[in-house]
Amino acid sequence: MKNSFLYIAAISIIAVSCSKRSATNHTTSPTTETIITEDASLTTGSAGKSTSRPFKGSLTYQLNTSLGLPCNCGPLIPLGDFEGTGTVTHMGLLKAKNKTCAAPIIVNGNYVGNRITAQCASFTAANGDQIFCNIPPYDLYFTAQGVATGTLEAEFTGGTGRFANATGSFTGTMTVPLSNPNTAVLSNINGTIGY
């Protein structure tokens, strides 16, 4: 059960990959990633300002023990480094990575889920441009269907290349199968991004 907890927490964190990274150790909030399709409805700002665009999609994450992300989980349980792939609006095919950390949620003496955080998280588009995110800790609760699931929220905090001044936010549903906690799916991603 402890290994399942750790894997579920780690996978949840991977989906939250969207935090700013540096060459030194750092701690950031969890983030999320998704497969997204483009929407023609855009809100255009004045010249030189960012344009608000729909941000939708989903991502799939896998435990990747070779990433070696330099982050520290502090008092939380490190679940491992996760790498995600998917397609999102305005990024196309992307990769995401993060270090997932967790703490058990105990209610009335029962282990009912995990509080998840993500460290060293980022989204990288096929051309190398990155988006950084801040994602507050979120909860994944075990269900009778054999999964741990919860909703995460993320705020864009900049990036590189065309996403250097990225702003906006999104929500998404993280689902981790208890039978295979080394994987996770971030779905129902819905929000906006400006750049």
N, C-alpha and C. Protein backbone atom coordinates (compact mmCIF):
# COMPACT_ATOMS: atom_id res chain seq x y z
N MET A 1 0.82 -1.19 0.00
CA MET A 1 0.00 0.00 0.00
C MET A 1 0.87 1.25 0.00
N LYS A 2 2.00 1.21 0.75
CA LYS A 2 2.88 2.38 0.80
C LYS A 2 3.47 2.65 -0.58
N ASN A 3 3.88 1.61 -1.30
CA ASN A 3 4.42 1.80 -2.65
C ASN A 3 3.36 2.36 -3.58
N SER A 4 2.13 1.88 -3.46
CA SER A 4 1.05 2.41 -4.28
C SER A 4 0.84 3.88 -3.98
N PHE A 5 0.89 4.24 -2.70
CA PHE A 5 0.74 5.64 -2.30
C PHE A 5 1.81 6.48 -2.96
N LEU A 6 3.04 6.03 -2.89
CA LEU A 6 4.15 6.79 -3.44
C LEU A 6 4.03 6.94 -4.94
N TYR A 7 3.70 5.87 -5.63
CA TYR A 7 3.57 5.94 -7.07
C TYR A 7 2.42 6.84 -7.47
N ILE A 8 1.30 6.74 -6.78
CA ILE A 8 0.15 7.57 -7.09
C ILE A 8 0.49 9.03 -6.88
N ALA A 9 1.16 9.32 -5.81
CA ALA A 9 1.53 10.70 -5.53
C ALA A 9 2.50 11.21 -6.58
N ALA A 10 3.44 10.38 -6.96
CA ALA A 10 4.43 10.80 -7.95
C ALA A 10 3.79 11.07 -9.29
N ILE A 11 2.92 10.23 -9.70
CA ILE A 11 2.26 10.41 -10.98
C ILE A 11 1.41 11.66 -10.95
N SER A 12 0.78 11.93 -9.84
CA SER A 12 -0.04 13.12 -9.72
C SER A 12 0.80 14.36 -9.88
N ILE A 13 1.97 14.32 -9.34
CA ILE A 13 2.85 15.48 -9.41
C ILE A 13 3.35 15.68 -10.83
N ILE A 14 3.61 14.65 -11.51
CA ILE A 14 4.12 14.77 -12.87
C ILE A 14 3.13 15.51 -13.72
N ALA A 15 1.91 15.25 -13.51
CA ALA A 15 0.90 15.92 -14.29
C ALA A 15 0.87 17.38 -13.99
N VAL A 16 1.43 17.73 -12.94
CA VAL A 16 1.41 19.11 -12.52
C VAL A 16 2.68 19.83 -12.97
N SER A 17 3.32 19.36 -13.96
CA SER A 17 4.61 19.90 -14.40
C SER A 17 4.43 21.20 -15.13
N CYS A 18 4.81 22.27 -14.50
CA CYS A 18 4.67 23.55 -15.18
C CYS A 18 5.34 24.65 -14.38
N SER A 19 6.30 24.32 -13.52
CA SER A 19 6.94 25.31 -12.67
C SER A 19 8.24 25.78 -13.28
N LYS A 20 8.65 27.01 -12.93
CA LYS A 20 9.89 27.58 -13.44
C LYS A 20 11.07 26.81 -12.89
N ARG A 21 12.07 26.57 -13.75
CA ARG A 21 13.26 25.83 -13.34
C ARG A 21 14.48 26.71 -13.45
N SER A 22 15.48 26.39 -12.62
CA SER A 22 16.77 27.06 -12.70
C SER A 22 17.85 26.01 -12.59
N ALA A 23 19.12 26.42 -12.73
CA ALA A 23 20.22 25.46 -12.69
C ALA A 23 20.51 25.00 -11.28
N THR A 24 19.95 25.67 -10.27
CA THR A 24 20.19 25.29 -8.89
C THR A 24 18.95 24.65 -8.30
N ASN A 25 19.12 24.06 -7.12
CA ASN A 25 17.97 23.46 -6.46
C ASN A 25 16.94 24.54 -6.14
N HIS A 26 15.67 24.21 -6.31
CA HIS A 26 14.61 25.15 -6.01
C HIS A 26 13.33 24.38 -5.75
N THR A 27 12.40 25.06 -5.15
CA THR A 27 11.11 24.45 -4.87
C THR A 27 10.03 25.30 -5.51
N THR A 28 9.13 24.65 -6.23
CA THR A 28 8.02 25.35 -6.84
C THR A 28 6.75 24.58 -6.56
N SER A 29 5.64 25.22 -6.83
CA SER A 29 4.36 24.58 -6.62
C SER A 29 4.07 23.60 -7.74
N PRO A 30 3.14 22.65 -7.53
CA PRO A 30 2.81 21.66 -8.56
C PRO A 30 2.22 22.29 -9.81
N THR A 31 2.28 21.57 -10.90
CA THR A 31 1.73 22.05 -12.14
C THR A 31 1.04 20.95 -12.92
N THR A 32 0.46 21.32 -14.05
CA THR A 32 -0.31 20.37 -14.80
C THR A 32 -0.05 20.46 -16.28
N GLU A 33 -0.38 19.35 -17.01
CA GLU A 33 -0.18 19.35 -18.44
C GLU A 33 -1.34 18.67 -19.14
N THR A 34 -1.49 18.95 -20.46
CA THR A 34 -2.67 18.49 -21.14
C THR A 34 -2.52 18.35 -22.64
N ILE A 35 -3.48 17.61 -23.23
CA ILE A 35 -3.60 17.59 -24.69
C ILE A 35 -4.70 18.58 -25.01
N ILE A 36 -4.43 19.48 -25.92
CA ILE A 36 -5.38 20.54 -26.16
C ILE A 36 -5.59 20.73 -27.66
N THR A 37 -6.82 21.13 -28.01
CA THR A 37 -7.10 21.43 -29.40
C THR A 37 -7.36 22.92 -29.53
N GLU A 38 -6.97 23.49 -30.63
CA GLU A 38 -7.11 24.91 -30.83
C GLU A 38 -8.54 25.33 -31.00
N ASP A 39 -8.85 26.51 -30.47
CA ASP A 39 -10.17 27.09 -30.58
C ASP A 39 -10.02 28.41 -31.31
N ALA A 40 -10.92 28.71 -32.22
CA ALA A 40 -10.81 29.93 -33.01
C ALA A 40 -11.16 31.17 -32.22
N SER A 41 -11.83 31.05 -31.09
CA SER A 41 -12.23 32.24 -30.34
C SER A 41 -11.08 32.75 -29.50
N LEU A 42 -10.60 33.94 -29.84
CA LEU A 42 -9.48 34.55 -29.15
C LEU A 42 -9.86 35.95 -28.71
N THR A 43 -9.28 36.40 -27.62
CA THR A 43 -9.47 37.76 -27.18
C THR A 43 -8.19 38.51 -27.48
N THR A 44 -8.24 39.45 -28.39
CA THR A 44 -7.04 40.15 -28.82
C THR A 44 -6.86 41.43 -28.04
N GLY A 45 -5.64 41.63 -27.56
CA GLY A 45 -5.31 42.86 -26.86
C GLY A 45 -4.77 43.88 -27.83
N SER A 46 -4.36 45.06 -27.32
CA SER A 46 -3.79 46.08 -28.18
C SER A 46 -2.39 45.69 -28.61
N ALA A 47 -1.85 46.42 -29.57
CA ALA A 47 -0.52 46.11 -30.11
C ALA A 47 0.50 46.02 -28.99
N GLY A 48 1.35 44.98 -29.04
CA GLY A 48 2.39 44.80 -28.04
C GLY A 48 1.91 44.09 -26.79
N LYS A 49 0.63 43.81 -26.68
CA LYS A 49 0.09 43.13 -25.50
C LYS A 49 -0.21 41.68 -25.85
N SER A 50 -0.32 40.86 -24.83
CA SER A 50 -0.61 39.45 -25.08
C SER A 50 -2.06 39.26 -25.47
N THR A 51 -2.33 38.13 -26.09
CA THR A 51 -3.67 37.77 -26.50
C THR A 51 -4.11 36.57 -25.68
N SER A 52 -5.32 36.63 -25.14
CA SER A 52 -5.85 35.52 -24.34
C SER A 52 -6.42 34.47 -25.28
N ARG A 53 -5.93 33.24 -25.14
CA ARG A 53 -6.34 32.15 -26.02
C ARG A 53 -6.81 30.97 -25.17
N PRO A 54 -7.70 30.14 -25.71
CA PRO A 54 -8.13 28.94 -24.97
C PRO A 54 -6.95 27.99 -24.76
N PHE A 55 -6.94 27.32 -23.63
CA PHE A 55 -5.90 26.34 -23.31
C PHE A 55 -6.63 25.09 -22.86
N LYS A 56 -6.63 24.05 -23.68
CA LYS A 56 -7.38 22.82 -23.39
C LYS A 56 -6.59 21.61 -23.84
N GLY A 57 -6.84 20.46 -23.22
CA GLY A 57 -6.19 19.23 -23.66
C GLY A 57 -6.03 18.21 -22.56
N SER A 58 -5.03 17.33 -22.71
CA SER A 58 -4.73 16.31 -21.70
C SER A 58 -3.31 15.78 -21.90
N LEU A 59 -2.76 15.20 -20.84
CA LEU A 59 -1.40 14.65 -20.86
C LEU A 59 -1.38 13.28 -20.19
N THR A 60 -0.40 12.47 -20.55
CA THR A 60 -0.15 11.20 -19.89
C THR A 60 1.25 11.24 -19.31
N TYR A 61 1.41 10.83 -18.03
CA TYR A 61 2.70 10.85 -17.34
C TYR A 61 3.18 9.44 -17.01
N GLN A 62 4.51 9.30 -16.97
CA GLN A 62 5.16 8.05 -16.59
C GLN A 62 6.31 8.37 -15.64
N LEU A 63 6.55 7.48 -14.69
CA LEU A 63 7.71 7.59 -13.83
C LEU A 63 8.96 7.45 -14.70
N ASN A 64 9.94 8.35 -14.52
CA ASN A 64 11.19 8.29 -15.27
C ASN A 64 12.33 8.45 -14.29
N THR A 65 12.97 7.36 -13.92
CA THR A 65 14.02 7.38 -12.90
C THR A 65 15.33 7.97 -13.40
N SER A 66 15.44 8.28 -14.69
CA SER A 66 16.70 8.82 -15.21
C SER A 66 16.71 10.34 -15.34
N LEU A 67 15.62 11.03 -14.98
CA LEU A 67 15.59 12.49 -15.12
C LEU A 67 16.56 13.18 -14.17
N GLY A 68 16.63 12.73 -12.92
CA GLY A 68 17.56 13.31 -11.96
C GLY A 68 17.29 14.77 -11.63
N LEU A 69 16.04 15.16 -11.50
CA LEU A 69 15.71 16.55 -11.18
C LEU A 69 16.27 16.90 -9.80
N PRO A 70 16.87 18.09 -9.64
CA PRO A 70 17.60 18.45 -8.42
C PRO A 70 16.74 19.02 -7.30
N CYS A 71 15.47 18.76 -7.27
CA CYS A 71 14.58 19.38 -6.28
C CYS A 71 14.52 18.58 -4.98
N ASN A 72 14.10 19.25 -3.93
CA ASN A 72 14.00 18.64 -2.60
C ASN A 72 12.54 18.67 -2.16
N CYS A 73 12.01 17.55 -1.73
CA CYS A 73 10.62 17.47 -1.29
C CYS A 73 10.43 17.96 0.14
N GLY A 74 11.52 18.29 0.82
CA GLY A 74 11.39 18.74 2.21
C GLY A 74 10.80 17.64 3.06
N PRO A 75 9.78 17.95 3.89
CA PRO A 75 9.20 16.95 4.78
C PRO A 75 8.26 15.96 4.07
N LEU A 76 7.96 16.21 2.79
CA LEU A 76 7.05 15.33 2.06
C LEU A 76 7.78 14.09 1.54
N ILE A 77 7.01 13.09 1.15
CA ILE A 77 7.56 11.84 0.63
C ILE A 77 7.86 12.01 -0.86
N PRO A 78 9.13 11.84 -1.29
CA PRO A 78 9.43 11.93 -2.73
C PRO A 78 8.90 10.70 -3.46
N LEU A 79 8.11 10.93 -4.51
CA LEU A 79 7.56 9.83 -5.29
C LEU A 79 8.37 9.55 -6.54
N GLY A 80 9.20 10.50 -6.93
CA GLY A 80 10.04 10.31 -8.11
C GLY A 80 9.86 11.41 -9.14
N ASP A 81 10.65 11.31 -10.20
CA ASP A 81 10.56 12.25 -11.31
C ASP A 81 9.62 11.67 -12.35
N PHE A 82 8.74 12.52 -12.86
CA PHE A 82 7.78 12.09 -13.86
C PHE A 82 7.95 12.89 -15.13
N GLU A 83 7.70 12.20 -16.25
CA GLU A 83 7.76 12.84 -17.55
C GLU A 83 6.44 12.60 -18.25
N GLY A 84 5.87 13.67 -18.80
CA GLY A 84 4.59 13.56 -19.47
C GLY A 84 4.69 13.94 -20.93
N THR A 85 3.76 13.42 -21.72
CA THR A 85 3.64 13.80 -23.13
C THR A 85 2.18 14.05 -23.43
N GLY A 86 1.95 14.89 -24.41
CA GLY A 86 0.60 15.19 -24.83
C GLY A 86 0.61 16.28 -25.86
N THR A 87 -0.56 16.76 -26.19
CA THR A 87 -0.71 17.86 -27.13
C THR A 87 -1.64 18.87 -26.49
N VAL A 88 -1.23 20.13 -26.49
CA VAL A 88 -2.07 21.19 -25.93
C VAL A 88 -2.17 22.33 -26.93
N THR A 89 -3.25 23.08 -26.82
CA THR A 89 -3.40 24.23 -27.70
C THR A 89 -2.25 25.20 -27.48
N HIS A 90 -1.77 25.77 -28.55
CA HIS A 90 -0.72 26.79 -28.57
C HIS A 90 0.65 26.26 -28.20
N MET A 91 0.79 24.95 -27.98
CA MET A 91 2.10 24.35 -27.77
C MET A 91 2.31 23.18 -28.70
N GLY A 92 1.24 22.55 -29.15
CA GLY A 92 1.35 21.36 -29.98
C GLY A 92 1.84 20.19 -29.14
N LEU A 93 2.62 19.31 -29.77
CA LEU A 93 3.18 18.16 -29.06
C LEU A 93 4.17 18.68 -28.03
N LEU A 94 4.06 18.21 -26.79
CA LEU A 94 4.94 18.72 -25.74
C LEU A 94 5.40 17.62 -24.83
N LYS A 95 6.42 17.98 -24.04
CA LYS A 95 6.90 17.13 -22.95
C LYS A 95 6.81 17.93 -21.67
N ALA A 96 6.54 17.24 -20.59
CA ALA A 96 6.47 17.87 -19.28
C ALA A 96 7.29 17.03 -18.32
N LYS A 97 7.84 17.69 -17.31
CA LYS A 97 8.57 16.93 -16.29
C LYS A 97 8.46 17.63 -14.95
N ASN A 98 8.54 16.83 -13.88
CA ASN A 98 8.52 17.37 -12.53
C ASN A 98 8.91 16.30 -11.53
N LYS A 99 9.24 16.74 -10.35
CA LYS A 99 9.48 15.83 -9.23
C LYS A 99 8.20 15.88 -8.38
N THR A 100 7.62 14.73 -8.12
CA THR A 100 6.37 14.66 -7.37
C THR A 100 6.64 14.30 -5.92
N CYS A 101 5.95 15.01 -5.04
CA CYS A 101 6.07 14.79 -3.60
C CYS A 101 4.67 14.62 -3.03
N ALA A 102 4.53 13.87 -1.94
CA ALA A 102 3.20 13.61 -1.41
C ALA A 102 3.20 13.49 0.10
N ALA A 103 2.01 13.67 0.65
CA ALA A 103 1.75 13.42 2.06
C ALA A 103 0.41 12.70 2.14
N PRO A 104 0.30 11.68 2.98
CA PRO A 104 -0.96 10.94 3.07
C PRO A 104 -2.07 11.79 3.68
N ILE A 105 -3.30 11.56 3.20
CA ILE A 105 -4.48 12.18 3.79
C ILE A 105 -5.16 11.11 4.64
N ILE A 106 -5.25 11.37 5.94
CA ILE A 106 -5.86 10.43 6.88
C ILE A 106 -7.13 11.08 7.43
N VAL A 107 -8.26 10.39 7.29
CA VAL A 107 -9.54 10.88 7.81
C VAL A 107 -10.11 9.80 8.73
N ASN A 108 -10.35 10.17 9.99
CA ASN A 108 -10.88 9.22 10.98
C ASN A 108 -10.06 7.93 11.03
N GLY A 109 -8.74 8.06 10.92
CA GLY A 109 -7.85 6.91 10.99
C GLY A 109 -7.72 6.13 9.70
N ASN A 110 -8.40 6.56 8.63
CA ASN A 110 -8.35 5.85 7.34
C ASN A 110 -7.52 6.63 6.33
N TYR A 111 -6.68 5.90 5.59
CA TYR A 111 -5.86 6.48 4.53
C TYR A 111 -6.76 6.63 3.30
N VAL A 112 -7.15 7.88 2.96
CA VAL A 112 -8.14 8.11 1.92
C VAL A 112 -7.59 8.76 0.65
N GLY A 113 -6.30 9.17 0.69
CA GLY A 113 -5.74 9.82 -0.50
C GLY A 113 -4.39 10.43 -0.21
N ASN A 114 -3.94 11.30 -1.12
CA ASN A 114 -2.64 11.95 -1.01
C ASN A 114 -2.73 13.43 -1.33
N ARG A 115 -2.02 14.25 -0.56
CA ARG A 115 -1.82 15.67 -0.89
C ARG A 115 -0.58 15.69 -1.77
N ILE A 116 -0.70 16.30 -2.96
CA ILE A 116 0.36 16.26 -3.96
C ILE A 116 0.98 17.65 -4.17
N THR A 117 2.30 17.69 -4.34
CA THR A 117 2.99 18.90 -4.78
C THR A 117 3.96 18.50 -5.89
N ALA A 118 4.30 19.47 -6.72
CA ALA A 118 5.26 19.22 -7.80
C ALA A 118 6.41 20.21 -7.70
N GLN A 119 7.62 19.74 -7.88
CA GLN A 119 8.83 20.55 -7.85
C GLN A 119 9.51 20.49 -9.21
N CYS A 120 10.31 21.50 -9.54
CA CYS A 120 11.11 21.49 -10.79
C CYS A 120 10.25 21.14 -12.00
N ALA A 121 9.07 21.74 -12.13
CA ALA A 121 8.15 21.36 -13.19
C ALA A 121 8.17 22.33 -14.37
N SER A 122 7.98 21.79 -15.59
CA SER A 122 7.95 22.62 -16.80
C SER A 122 7.26 21.88 -17.93
N PHE A 123 6.72 22.67 -18.91
CA PHE A 123 6.21 22.16 -20.18
C PHE A 123 7.19 22.61 -21.25
N THR A 124 7.54 21.73 -22.18
CA THR A 124 8.44 22.10 -23.26
C THR A 124 7.80 21.73 -24.60
N ALA A 125 7.64 22.74 -25.48
CA ALA A 125 7.07 22.52 -26.81
C ALA A 125 8.12 21.85 -27.70
N ALA A 126 7.69 21.36 -28.85
CA ALA A 126 8.60 20.67 -29.78
C ALA A 126 9.76 21.56 -30.22
N ASN A 127 9.55 22.88 -30.28
CA ASN A 127 10.62 23.79 -30.71
C ASN A 127 11.52 24.22 -29.56
N GLY A 128 11.27 23.72 -28.34
CA GLY A 128 12.10 24.04 -27.18
C GLY A 128 11.57 25.15 -26.30
N ASP A 129 10.55 25.91 -26.75
CA ASP A 129 9.96 26.95 -25.92
C ASP A 129 9.30 26.31 -24.70
N GLN A 130 9.43 26.97 -23.54
CA GLN A 130 8.88 26.42 -22.30
C GLN A 130 7.82 27.33 -21.70
N ILE A 131 6.93 26.73 -20.92
CA ILE A 131 5.97 27.46 -20.10
C ILE A 131 6.19 27.02 -18.66
N PHE A 132 6.24 28.00 -17.75
CA PHE A 132 6.38 27.73 -16.33
C PHE A 132 5.03 27.97 -15.65
N CYS A 133 4.76 27.19 -14.61
CA CYS A 133 3.49 27.32 -13.90
C CYS A 133 3.69 27.28 -12.39
N ASN A 134 2.73 27.81 -11.70
CA ASN A 134 2.66 27.67 -10.25
C ASN A 134 1.37 26.90 -9.96
N ILE A 135 1.48 25.78 -9.27
CA ILE A 135 0.31 24.97 -8.95
C ILE A 135 0.29 24.72 -7.45
N PRO A 136 -0.73 25.22 -6.78
CA PRO A 136 -0.84 24.97 -5.34
C PRO A 136 -1.02 23.47 -5.08
N PRO A 137 -0.67 23.00 -3.88
CA PRO A 137 -0.91 21.59 -3.56
C PRO A 137 -2.38 21.22 -3.80
N TYR A 138 -2.60 19.99 -4.23
CA TYR A 138 -3.96 19.52 -4.48
C TYR A 138 -4.09 18.10 -3.94
N ASP A 139 -5.34 17.66 -3.77
CA ASP A 139 -5.62 16.36 -3.16
C ASP A 139 -6.11 15.35 -4.19
N LEU A 140 -5.61 14.12 -4.07
CA LEU A 140 -6.10 12.98 -4.86
C LEU A 140 -6.74 12.01 -3.88
N TYR A 141 -8.02 11.72 -4.10
CA TYR A 141 -8.74 10.80 -3.22
C TYR A 141 -8.96 9.47 -3.93
N PHE A 142 -8.85 8.38 -3.16
CA PHE A 142 -9.09 7.04 -3.69
C PHE A 142 -10.59 6.87 -3.92
N THR A 143 -10.94 6.16 -5.01
CA THR A 143 -12.35 5.92 -5.33
C THR A 143 -12.62 4.41 -5.38
N ALA A 144 -13.89 4.06 -5.38
CA ALA A 144 -14.30 2.66 -5.48
C ALA A 144 -13.97 2.08 -6.86
N GLN A 145 -13.70 2.95 -7.84
CA GLN A 145 -13.36 2.50 -9.19
C GLN A 145 -11.89 2.14 -9.34
N GLY A 146 -11.12 2.18 -8.26
CA GLY A 146 -9.72 1.77 -8.31
C GLY A 146 -8.76 2.83 -8.82
N VAL A 147 -9.13 4.11 -8.66
CA VAL A 147 -8.25 5.20 -9.07
C VAL A 147 -8.16 6.22 -7.94
N ALA A 148 -7.13 7.05 -8.03
CA ALA A 148 -7.04 8.24 -7.18
C ALA A 148 -7.27 9.41 -8.11
N THR A 149 -8.16 10.33 -7.74
CA THR A 149 -8.49 11.43 -8.64
C THR A 149 -8.71 12.72 -7.87
N GLY A 150 -8.47 13.83 -8.55
CA GLY A 150 -8.66 15.15 -7.96
C GLY A 150 -8.49 16.23 -9.01
N THR A 151 -8.83 17.45 -8.62
CA THR A 151 -8.73 18.60 -9.52
C THR A 151 -7.55 19.46 -9.12
N LEU A 152 -6.76 19.84 -10.11
CA LEU A 152 -5.65 20.75 -9.83
C LEU A 152 -5.85 22.05 -10.59
N GLU A 153 -5.25 23.10 -10.05
CA GLU A 153 -5.30 24.42 -10.66
C GLU A 153 -3.87 24.87 -10.91
N ALA A 154 -3.65 25.58 -12.01
CA ALA A 154 -2.31 26.08 -12.33
C ALA A 154 -2.40 27.50 -12.85
N GLU A 155 -1.38 28.29 -12.53
CA GLU A 155 -1.27 29.66 -13.04
C GLU A 155 0.03 29.76 -13.83
N PHE A 156 -0.03 30.30 -15.05
CA PHE A 156 1.16 30.48 -15.86
C PHE A 156 1.98 31.64 -15.31
N THR A 157 3.29 31.43 -15.21
CA THR A 157 4.17 32.45 -14.62
C THR A 157 5.32 32.82 -15.54
N GLY A 158 5.13 32.69 -16.84
CA GLY A 158 6.18 33.03 -17.80
C GLY A 158 6.70 31.81 -18.51
N GLY A 159 7.85 31.98 -19.14
CA GLY A 159 8.43 30.87 -19.89
C GLY A 159 9.62 31.34 -20.69
N THR A 160 9.86 30.68 -21.83
CA THR A 160 10.95 31.05 -22.72
C THR A 160 10.41 31.17 -24.13
N GLY A 161 11.18 31.80 -25.02
CA GLY A 161 10.75 31.95 -26.41
C GLY A 161 9.45 32.71 -26.50
N ARG A 162 8.53 32.25 -27.32
CA ARG A 162 7.27 32.97 -27.49
C ARG A 162 6.42 32.98 -26.22
N PHE A 163 6.75 32.13 -25.25
CA PHE A 163 5.99 32.08 -23.99
C PHE A 163 6.68 32.85 -22.86
N ALA A 164 7.66 33.70 -23.20
CA ALA A 164 8.44 34.40 -22.17
C ALA A 164 7.56 35.19 -21.20
N ASN A 165 6.46 35.75 -21.67
CA ASN A 165 5.57 36.55 -20.81
C ASN A 165 4.22 35.88 -20.62
N ALA A 166 4.19 34.56 -20.63
CA ALA A 166 2.92 33.83 -20.53
C ALA A 166 2.19 34.15 -19.23
N THR A 167 0.88 34.37 -19.36
CA THR A 167 0.00 34.58 -18.22
C THR A 167 -1.25 33.74 -18.44
N GLY A 168 -2.06 33.59 -17.42
CA GLY A 168 -3.30 32.84 -17.52
C GLY A 168 -3.33 31.71 -16.52
N SER A 169 -4.32 30.83 -16.67
CA SER A 169 -4.48 29.72 -15.72
C SER A 169 -5.33 28.63 -16.34
N PHE A 170 -5.32 27.46 -15.70
CA PHE A 170 -6.18 26.36 -16.13
C PHE A 170 -6.47 25.44 -14.95
N THR A 171 -7.50 24.63 -15.11
CA THR A 171 -7.81 23.55 -14.17
C THR A 171 -7.77 22.25 -14.96
N GLY A 172 -7.62 21.14 -14.26
CA GLY A 172 -7.60 19.84 -14.91
C GLY A 172 -7.89 18.73 -13.91
N THR A 173 -8.25 17.57 -14.41
CA THR A 173 -8.54 16.41 -13.58
C THR A 173 -7.37 15.43 -13.66
N MET A 174 -6.76 15.14 -12.51
CA MET A 174 -5.66 14.18 -12.45
C MET A 174 -6.23 12.83 -12.02
N THR A 175 -5.88 11.79 -12.76
CA THR A 175 -6.35 10.44 -12.44
C THR A 175 -5.16 9.49 -12.45
N VAL A 176 -5.02 8.73 -11.36
CA VAL A 176 -3.93 7.76 -11.23
C VAL A 176 -4.55 6.39 -10.95
N PRO A 177 -4.32 5.40 -11.83
CA PRO A 177 -4.86 4.06 -11.56
C PRO A 177 -4.09 3.42 -10.40
N LEU A 178 -4.81 2.91 -9.42
CA LEU A 178 -4.16 2.28 -8.27
C LEU A 178 -3.43 1.00 -8.68
N SER A 179 -3.85 0.39 -9.78
CA SER A 179 -3.18 -0.83 -10.25
C SER A 179 -1.85 -0.52 -10.95
N ASN A 180 -1.64 0.73 -11.35
CA ASN A 180 -0.39 1.13 -12.01
C ASN A 180 -0.07 2.57 -11.64
N PRO A 181 0.37 2.82 -10.40
CA PRO A 181 0.61 4.19 -9.94
C PRO A 181 1.84 4.85 -10.55
N ASN A 182 2.55 4.18 -11.45
CA ASN A 182 3.66 4.82 -12.17
C ASN A 182 3.18 5.62 -13.37
N THR A 183 1.87 5.65 -13.58
CA THR A 183 1.28 6.41 -14.69
C THR A 183 0.19 7.32 -14.15
N ALA A 184 -0.12 8.36 -14.91
CA ALA A 184 -1.20 9.28 -14.54
C ALA A 184 -1.70 9.96 -15.80
N VAL A 185 -2.94 10.41 -15.75
CA VAL A 185 -3.53 11.15 -16.87
C VAL A 185 -4.08 12.46 -16.34
N LEU A 186 -3.70 13.56 -16.98
CA LEU A 186 -4.27 14.86 -16.69
C LEU A 186 -5.23 15.17 -17.83
N SER A 187 -6.52 15.24 -17.52
CA SER A 187 -7.54 15.43 -18.55
C SER A 187 -8.42 16.62 -18.20
N ASN A 188 -9.36 16.91 -19.08
CA ASN A 188 -10.32 18.01 -18.87
C ASN A 188 -9.62 19.33 -18.59
N ILE A 189 -8.48 19.54 -19.19
CA ILE A 189 -7.77 20.81 -18.99
C ILE A 189 -8.56 21.91 -19.66
N ASN A 190 -8.81 22.96 -18.89
CA ASN A 190 -9.62 24.05 -19.40
C ASN A 190 -9.13 25.36 -18.80
N GLY A 191 -8.75 26.30 -19.64
CA GLY A 191 -8.30 27.59 -19.15
C GLY A 191 -7.96 28.51 -20.30
N THR A 192 -7.18 29.55 -19.99
CA THR A 192 -6.73 30.49 -21.01
C THR A 192 -5.25 30.78 -20.81
N ILE A 193 -4.59 31.15 -21.90
CA ILE A 193 -3.18 31.54 -21.85
C ILE A 193 -3.00 32.80 -22.69
N GLY A 194 -2.22 33.73 -22.16
CA GLY A 194 -1.87 34.93 -22.91
C GLY A 194 -0.37 34.98 -23.10
N TYR A 195 0.07 35.36 -24.31
CA TYR A 195 1.51 35.51 -24.59
C TYR A 195 1.70 36.42 -25.77
